[in-house]
């Protein structure tokens, strides 16, 4: 199994300002809208810039001040079930989400590493990210 890091999510206080920074500083482009922000891409990686305001952040303990910074990372895998089995065997804990019954539908399932870092597993990828640079997908 070969998992590819293709997605990170960053909680920001101002999505438009963060988008402008990523465009100017790194040459990234907007790949699409996210529920709480935007997806940026460099043609391989997808970076979600998200504004949670004062809403709870999935996988983050409630009661903290507003969360800013790296929220989670995402692994694009070939075999979802195998990846989940490996992650759980290594100590990952399920947070939320599920693989849909319909094929070719976007999804991500959140887990937490043994030291508390939230991550996604998906076999459907993210807008603006490619599984293998130089290939068609």
N, C-alpha and C. Protein backbone atom coordinates (compact mmCIF):
# COMPACT_ATOMS: atom_id res chain seq x y z
N UNK A 1 0.84 -1.18 0.00
CA UNK A 1 0.00 0.00 0.00
C UNK A 1 0.89 1.24 0.00
N UNK A 2 0.50 2.21 -0.80
CA UNK A 2 1.25 3.44 -0.88
C UNK A 2 0.31 4.62 -0.64
N UNK A 3 0.36 5.20 0.55
CA UNK A 3 -0.45 6.38 0.86
C UNK A 3 0.31 7.62 0.44
N UNK A 4 -0.41 8.59 -0.09
CA UNK A 4 0.20 9.84 -0.55
C UNK A 4 -0.38 11.00 0.24
N UNK A 5 0.49 11.81 0.85
CA UNK A 5 0.05 13.02 1.51
C UNK A 5 -0.35 14.01 0.43
N UNK A 6 -1.63 14.35 0.37
CA UNK A 6 -2.13 15.23 -0.68
C UNK A 6 -3.06 16.31 -0.15
N UNK A 7 -3.24 16.40 1.18
CA UNK A 7 -4.21 17.35 1.73
C UNK A 7 -3.82 17.76 3.13
N UNK A 8 -3.84 19.07 3.39
CA UNK A 8 -3.77 19.56 4.76
C UNK A 8 -4.86 20.61 4.92
N UNK A 9 -5.31 20.80 6.14
CA UNK A 9 -6.33 21.81 6.43
C UNK A 9 -5.79 22.72 7.51
N UNK A 10 -5.96 24.02 7.29
CA UNK A 10 -5.47 25.01 8.23
C UNK A 10 -6.64 25.88 8.66
N UNK A 11 -6.83 26.02 9.96
CA UNK A 11 -7.85 26.91 10.49
C UNK A 11 -7.28 28.32 10.52
N UNK A 12 -7.96 29.25 9.84
CA UNK A 12 -7.48 30.63 9.72
C UNK A 12 -8.56 31.60 10.18
N UNK A 13 -8.18 32.79 10.64
CA UNK A 13 -9.18 33.76 11.08
C UNK A 13 -9.82 34.54 9.93
N UNK A 14 -9.19 34.56 8.74
CA UNK A 14 -9.69 35.33 7.60
C UNK A 14 -9.34 34.57 6.33
N UNK A 15 -10.34 33.89 5.76
CA UNK A 15 -10.10 33.04 4.59
C UNK A 15 -9.58 33.85 3.40
N UNK A 16 -10.19 35.01 3.13
CA UNK A 16 -9.76 35.81 1.97
C UNK A 16 -8.31 36.25 2.10
N UNK A 17 -7.92 36.67 3.30
CA UNK A 17 -6.53 37.09 3.52
C UNK A 17 -5.58 35.90 3.39
N UNK A 18 -5.97 34.75 3.92
CA UNK A 18 -5.13 33.56 3.82
C UNK A 18 -5.01 33.13 2.36
N UNK A 19 -6.12 33.18 1.62
CA UNK A 19 -6.08 32.83 0.20
C UNK A 19 -5.12 33.75 -0.54
N UNK A 20 -5.22 35.04 -0.30
CA UNK A 20 -4.33 36.00 -0.96
C UNK A 20 -2.87 35.71 -0.63
N UNK A 21 -2.59 35.36 0.62
CA UNK A 21 -1.23 35.03 1.02
C UNK A 21 -0.73 33.80 0.27
N UNK A 22 -1.52 32.72 0.24
CA UNK A 22 -1.09 31.49 -0.43
C UNK A 22 -0.89 31.72 -1.93
N UNK A 23 -1.73 32.59 -2.53
CA UNK A 23 -1.56 32.91 -3.94
C UNK A 23 -0.25 33.67 -4.17
N UNK A 24 -0.03 34.71 -3.37
CA UNK A 24 1.15 35.56 -3.59
C UNK A 24 2.44 34.89 -3.12
N UNK A 25 2.42 34.31 -1.94
CA UNK A 25 3.65 33.75 -1.37
C UNK A 25 4.08 32.45 -2.03
N UNK A 26 3.10 31.60 -2.41
CA UNK A 26 3.43 30.26 -2.90
C UNK A 26 2.97 29.98 -4.32
N UNK A 27 2.28 30.93 -4.96
CA UNK A 27 1.81 30.73 -6.32
C UNK A 27 0.70 29.71 -6.44
N UNK A 28 0.02 29.42 -5.34
CA UNK A 28 -1.08 28.46 -5.37
C UNK A 28 -2.32 29.12 -5.97
N UNK A 29 -3.22 28.30 -6.50
CA UNK A 29 -4.47 28.80 -7.07
C UNK A 29 -5.65 28.19 -6.35
N UNK A 30 -6.77 28.91 -6.41
CA UNK A 30 -7.99 28.39 -5.80
C UNK A 30 -8.53 27.25 -6.65
N UNK A 31 -8.76 26.10 -6.01
CA UNK A 31 -9.29 24.93 -6.72
C UNK A 31 -10.79 24.80 -6.54
N UNK A 32 -11.33 25.42 -5.49
CA UNK A 32 -12.76 25.32 -5.25
C UNK A 32 -13.13 25.86 -3.89
N UNK A 33 -14.43 25.84 -3.62
CA UNK A 33 -14.94 26.30 -2.33
C UNK A 33 -15.07 25.13 -1.37
N UNK A 34 -14.73 25.38 -0.12
CA UNK A 34 -14.94 24.41 0.96
C UNK A 34 -16.11 24.93 1.80
N UNK A 35 -16.71 24.09 2.60
CA UNK A 35 -17.84 24.50 3.41
C UNK A 35 -17.57 25.71 4.28
N UNK A 36 -16.37 25.82 4.77
CA UNK A 36 -15.99 26.92 5.66
C UNK A 36 -14.84 27.75 5.10
N UNK A 37 -14.57 27.62 3.81
CA UNK A 37 -13.45 28.35 3.25
C UNK A 37 -13.19 27.99 1.81
N UNK A 38 -11.91 27.80 1.47
CA UNK A 38 -11.52 27.51 0.09
C UNK A 38 -10.47 26.40 0.07
N UNK A 39 -10.40 25.73 -1.09
CA UNK A 39 -9.34 24.78 -1.36
C UNK A 39 -8.33 25.45 -2.28
N UNK A 40 -7.07 25.39 -1.90
CA UNK A 40 -5.98 25.91 -2.71
C UNK A 40 -5.18 24.72 -3.23
N UNK A 41 -4.49 24.90 -4.38
CA UNK A 41 -3.68 23.82 -4.91
C UNK A 41 -2.40 24.34 -5.54
N UNK A 42 -1.40 23.49 -5.51
CA UNK A 42 -0.17 23.76 -6.24
C UNK A 42 -0.08 22.82 -7.45
N UNK A 43 -1.16 22.09 -7.70
CA UNK A 43 -1.20 21.13 -8.80
C UNK A 43 -0.99 19.70 -8.34
N UNK A 44 -0.52 19.52 -7.10
CA UNK A 44 -0.33 18.19 -6.52
C UNK A 44 -1.05 18.11 -5.18
N UNK A 45 -0.80 19.09 -4.32
CA UNK A 45 -1.38 19.13 -2.97
C UNK A 45 -2.63 19.99 -2.94
N UNK A 46 -3.55 19.63 -2.03
CA UNK A 46 -4.73 20.42 -1.73
C UNK A 46 -4.57 20.96 -0.32
N UNK A 47 -4.72 22.28 -0.16
CA UNK A 47 -4.68 22.92 1.16
C UNK A 47 -6.03 23.59 1.39
N UNK A 48 -6.74 23.13 2.42
CA UNK A 48 -8.02 23.75 2.77
C UNK A 48 -7.73 24.86 3.77
N UNK A 49 -8.22 26.06 3.47
CA UNK A 49 -8.13 27.20 4.38
C UNK A 49 -9.52 27.39 4.96
N UNK A 50 -9.69 27.11 6.25
CA UNK A 50 -11.01 27.03 6.87
C UNK A 50 -11.17 28.02 8.01
N UNK A 51 -12.34 28.63 8.10
CA UNK A 51 -12.67 29.54 9.19
C UNK A 51 -13.76 28.89 10.04
N UNK A 52 -13.37 28.39 11.21
CA UNK A 52 -14.33 27.76 12.12
C UNK A 52 -15.00 28.77 13.03
N UNK A 53 -14.53 30.05 13.01
CA UNK A 53 -15.03 31.08 13.93
C UNK A 53 -15.00 30.52 15.33
N UNK A 54 -16.12 30.55 16.02
CA UNK A 54 -16.18 30.00 17.38
C UNK A 54 -16.89 28.66 17.42
N UNK A 55 -17.13 28.04 16.26
CA UNK A 55 -17.79 26.74 16.20
C UNK A 55 -16.85 25.64 16.66
N UNK A 56 -17.41 24.54 17.16
CA UNK A 56 -16.56 23.40 17.53
C UNK A 56 -15.81 22.87 16.30
N UNK A 57 -14.60 22.42 16.51
CA UNK A 57 -13.77 21.86 15.45
C UNK A 57 -13.73 20.35 15.65
N UNK A 58 -14.21 19.55 14.66
CA UNK A 58 -14.22 18.10 14.83
C UNK A 58 -12.85 17.55 15.20
N UNK A 59 -12.80 16.78 16.27
CA UNK A 59 -11.55 16.16 16.71
C UNK A 59 -10.75 17.01 17.68
N UNK A 60 -11.15 18.27 17.91
CA UNK A 60 -10.47 19.16 18.84
C UNK A 60 -11.32 19.29 20.09
N UNK A 61 -10.70 19.15 21.25
CA UNK A 61 -11.43 19.21 22.51
C UNK A 61 -12.20 20.52 22.65
N UNK A 62 -13.48 20.47 23.02
CA UNK A 62 -14.24 21.70 23.23
C UNK A 62 -13.72 22.45 24.46
N UNK A 63 -14.03 23.74 24.52
CA UNK A 63 -13.64 24.53 25.68
C UNK A 63 -12.34 25.29 25.51
N UNK A 64 -11.65 25.07 24.41
CA UNK A 64 -10.41 25.81 24.16
C UNK A 64 -10.74 27.14 23.51
N UNK A 65 -9.78 28.06 23.53
CA UNK A 65 -9.94 29.28 22.77
C UNK A 65 -10.06 28.91 21.30
N UNK A 66 -10.43 29.88 20.49
CA UNK A 66 -10.57 29.63 19.06
C UNK A 66 -9.33 28.94 18.51
N UNK A 67 -9.54 27.85 17.80
CA UNK A 67 -8.45 27.06 17.26
C UNK A 67 -7.95 27.66 15.95
N UNK A 68 -6.65 27.94 15.86
CA UNK A 68 -6.00 28.39 14.64
C UNK A 68 -4.77 27.54 14.39
N UNK A 69 -4.47 27.30 13.13
CA UNK A 69 -3.28 26.53 12.79
C UNK A 69 -3.61 25.28 12.02
N UNK A 70 -2.63 24.38 11.93
CA UNK A 70 -2.83 23.14 11.21
C UNK A 70 -3.92 22.34 11.90
N UNK A 71 -4.97 22.05 11.18
CA UNK A 71 -6.11 21.33 11.75
C UNK A 71 -5.96 19.82 11.53
N UNK A 72 -5.70 19.41 10.29
CA UNK A 72 -5.51 17.99 10.01
C UNK A 72 -4.75 17.83 8.70
N UNK A 73 -4.29 16.60 8.46
CA UNK A 73 -3.69 16.27 7.17
C UNK A 73 -4.48 15.11 6.58
N UNK A 74 -4.35 14.90 5.27
CA UNK A 74 -5.12 13.86 4.62
C UNK A 74 -4.25 12.94 3.80
N UNK A 75 -4.54 11.64 3.90
CA UNK A 75 -3.80 10.62 3.15
C UNK A 75 -4.71 10.02 2.08
N UNK A 76 -4.23 10.06 0.84
CA UNK A 76 -4.94 9.49 -0.30
C UNK A 76 -4.41 8.08 -0.49
N UNK A 77 -5.27 7.09 -0.33
CA UNK A 77 -4.85 5.69 -0.36
C UNK A 77 -5.52 4.95 -1.51
N UNK A 78 -4.92 3.86 -1.90
CA UNK A 78 -5.51 3.04 -2.96
C UNK A 78 -6.61 2.14 -2.40
N UNK A 79 -6.38 1.54 -1.25
CA UNK A 79 -7.33 0.60 -0.65
C UNK A 79 -7.76 1.14 0.71
N UNK A 80 -8.96 1.71 0.76
CA UNK A 80 -9.45 2.35 1.98
C UNK A 80 -9.48 1.37 3.16
N UNK A 81 -10.07 0.21 2.96
CA UNK A 81 -10.21 -0.75 4.07
C UNK A 81 -8.86 -1.19 4.62
N UNK A 82 -7.91 -1.45 3.73
CA UNK A 82 -6.57 -1.82 4.16
C UNK A 82 -5.91 -0.68 4.94
N UNK A 83 -6.08 0.54 4.45
CA UNK A 83 -5.49 1.70 5.13
C UNK A 83 -6.08 1.90 6.52
N UNK A 84 -7.38 1.73 6.65
CA UNK A 84 -8.03 1.85 7.97
C UNK A 84 -7.50 0.77 8.91
N UNK A 85 -7.41 -0.44 8.42
CA UNK A 85 -6.91 -1.55 9.24
C UNK A 85 -5.49 -1.26 9.73
N UNK A 86 -4.63 -0.79 8.83
CA UNK A 86 -3.25 -0.48 9.20
C UNK A 86 -3.19 0.67 10.20
N UNK A 87 -3.98 1.72 9.97
CA UNK A 87 -3.98 2.87 10.86
C UNK A 87 -4.46 2.48 12.26
N UNK A 88 -5.53 1.72 12.32
CA UNK A 88 -6.07 1.29 13.63
C UNK A 88 -5.09 0.37 14.34
N UNK A 89 -4.45 -0.51 13.59
CA UNK A 89 -3.46 -1.41 14.18
C UNK A 89 -2.28 -0.61 14.76
N UNK A 90 -1.99 0.53 14.13
CA UNK A 90 -0.90 1.39 14.60
C UNK A 90 -1.33 2.30 15.75
N UNK A 91 -2.62 2.26 16.12
CA UNK A 91 -3.09 3.03 17.26
C UNK A 91 -4.00 4.19 16.94
N UNK A 92 -4.41 4.36 15.68
CA UNK A 92 -5.31 5.45 15.32
C UNK A 92 -6.69 5.22 15.91
N UNK A 93 -7.37 6.31 16.27
CA UNK A 93 -8.72 6.25 16.82
C UNK A 93 -9.69 6.96 15.88
N UNK A 94 -10.81 6.33 15.59
CA UNK A 94 -11.84 6.90 14.72
C UNK A 94 -12.40 8.17 15.35
N UNK A 95 -12.62 9.20 14.51
CA UNK A 95 -13.23 10.46 14.97
C UNK A 95 -14.62 10.60 14.37
N UNK A 96 -14.71 10.60 13.02
CA UNK A 96 -16.03 10.71 12.38
C UNK A 96 -15.91 10.48 10.88
N UNK A 97 -17.07 10.29 10.24
CA UNK A 97 -17.14 10.11 8.79
C UNK A 97 -17.28 8.66 8.43
N UNK A 98 -17.59 8.42 7.16
CA UNK A 98 -17.69 7.05 6.66
C UNK A 98 -17.53 7.06 5.15
N UNK A 99 -17.08 5.95 4.64
CA UNK A 99 -16.97 5.78 3.19
C UNK A 99 -18.39 5.59 2.65
N UNK A 100 -18.78 6.33 1.61
CA UNK A 100 -20.14 6.19 1.09
C UNK A 100 -20.34 4.88 0.35
N UNK A 101 -21.60 4.47 0.25
CA UNK A 101 -21.93 3.25 -0.48
C UNK A 101 -21.82 3.45 -1.99
N UNK A 102 -22.03 4.70 -2.45
CA UNK A 102 -21.98 4.98 -3.88
C UNK A 102 -20.52 5.09 -4.33
N UNK A 103 -20.16 4.44 -5.43
CA UNK A 103 -18.79 4.56 -5.93
C UNK A 103 -18.53 5.96 -6.52
N UNK A 104 -17.29 6.35 -6.57
CA UNK A 104 -16.86 7.61 -7.18
C UNK A 104 -17.44 8.85 -6.51
N UNK A 105 -17.74 8.75 -5.23
CA UNK A 105 -18.26 9.90 -4.48
C UNK A 105 -17.17 10.36 -3.52
N UNK A 106 -16.96 11.67 -3.44
CA UNK A 106 -15.95 12.21 -2.54
C UNK A 106 -16.29 11.90 -1.09
N UNK A 107 -15.28 11.59 -0.30
CA UNK A 107 -15.44 11.39 1.14
C UNK A 107 -14.08 11.50 1.80
N UNK A 108 -14.10 11.71 3.10
CA UNK A 108 -12.92 11.60 3.93
C UNK A 108 -13.38 11.13 5.31
N UNK A 109 -12.62 10.24 5.90
CA UNK A 109 -12.94 9.71 7.22
C UNK A 109 -11.84 10.16 8.16
N UNK A 110 -12.24 10.80 9.26
CA UNK A 110 -11.28 11.38 10.19
C UNK A 110 -10.89 10.39 11.28
N UNK A 111 -9.58 10.39 11.58
CA UNK A 111 -9.00 9.60 12.65
C UNK A 111 -8.09 10.51 13.47
N UNK A 112 -7.63 10.01 14.59
CA UNK A 112 -6.67 10.73 15.42
C UNK A 112 -5.49 9.81 15.66
N UNK A 113 -4.27 10.35 15.51
CA UNK A 113 -3.07 9.57 15.80
C UNK A 113 -3.00 9.32 17.30
N UNK A 114 -2.17 8.39 17.75
CA UNK A 114 -2.04 8.16 19.19
C UNK A 114 -1.64 9.41 19.98
N UNK A 115 -0.94 10.35 19.32
CA UNK A 115 -0.57 11.57 20.03
C UNK A 115 -1.53 12.72 19.78
N UNK A 116 -2.69 12.44 19.18
CA UNK A 116 -3.77 13.43 19.10
C UNK A 116 -3.91 14.22 17.83
N UNK A 117 -3.08 13.99 16.80
CA UNK A 117 -3.18 14.74 15.56
C UNK A 117 -4.30 14.14 14.69
N UNK A 118 -5.19 14.99 14.20
CA UNK A 118 -6.31 14.55 13.37
C UNK A 118 -5.83 14.37 11.93
N UNK A 119 -6.31 13.28 11.28
CA UNK A 119 -5.99 13.06 9.87
C UNK A 119 -7.16 12.40 9.16
N UNK A 120 -7.21 12.58 7.83
CA UNK A 120 -8.23 11.97 6.99
C UNK A 120 -7.63 10.80 6.23
N UNK A 121 -8.50 9.82 5.93
CA UNK A 121 -8.17 8.76 4.99
C UNK A 121 -9.25 8.79 3.92
N UNK A 122 -8.84 8.75 2.65
CA UNK A 122 -9.78 8.68 1.54
C UNK A 122 -9.13 7.94 0.38
N UNK A 123 -9.97 7.37 -0.46
CA UNK A 123 -9.46 6.82 -1.72
C UNK A 123 -10.02 7.62 -2.89
N UNK A 124 -10.73 8.73 -2.57
CA UNK A 124 -11.32 9.54 -3.64
C UNK A 124 -10.56 10.83 -3.91
N UNK A 125 -9.59 11.19 -3.07
CA UNK A 125 -8.78 12.38 -3.31
C UNK A 125 -9.46 13.68 -2.96
N UNK A 126 -8.80 14.79 -3.31
CA UNK A 126 -9.30 16.14 -3.03
C UNK A 126 -9.19 16.97 -4.29
N UNK A 127 -10.09 17.92 -4.46
CA UNK A 127 -10.06 18.81 -5.61
C UNK A 127 -8.73 19.54 -5.65
N UNK A 128 -8.09 19.54 -6.81
CA UNK A 128 -6.81 20.22 -6.96
C UNK A 128 -5.60 19.38 -6.62
N UNK A 129 -5.81 18.19 -6.05
CA UNK A 129 -4.70 17.30 -5.72
C UNK A 129 -4.66 16.16 -6.73
N UNK A 130 -3.49 15.65 -7.01
CA UNK A 130 -3.37 14.48 -7.88
C UNK A 130 -2.67 13.37 -7.11
N UNK A 131 -3.12 12.16 -7.32
CA UNK A 131 -2.53 11.01 -6.61
C UNK A 131 -1.06 10.86 -6.92
N UNK A 132 -0.74 10.79 -8.20
CA UNK A 132 0.64 10.62 -8.63
C UNK A 132 0.98 11.69 -9.65
N UNK A 133 1.84 12.65 -9.29
CA UNK A 133 2.22 13.69 -10.24
C UNK A 133 2.75 13.07 -11.53
N UNK A 134 2.31 13.60 -12.64
CA UNK A 134 2.73 13.09 -13.93
C UNK A 134 1.80 12.04 -14.51
N UNK A 135 0.83 11.57 -13.69
CA UNK A 135 -0.13 10.59 -14.20
C UNK A 135 -1.44 11.30 -14.51
N UNK A 136 -2.40 10.56 -15.01
CA UNK A 136 -3.70 11.14 -15.40
C UNK A 136 -4.62 11.37 -14.22
N UNK A 137 -4.38 10.76 -13.03
CA UNK A 137 -5.30 10.98 -11.91
C UNK A 137 -4.69 11.83 -10.90
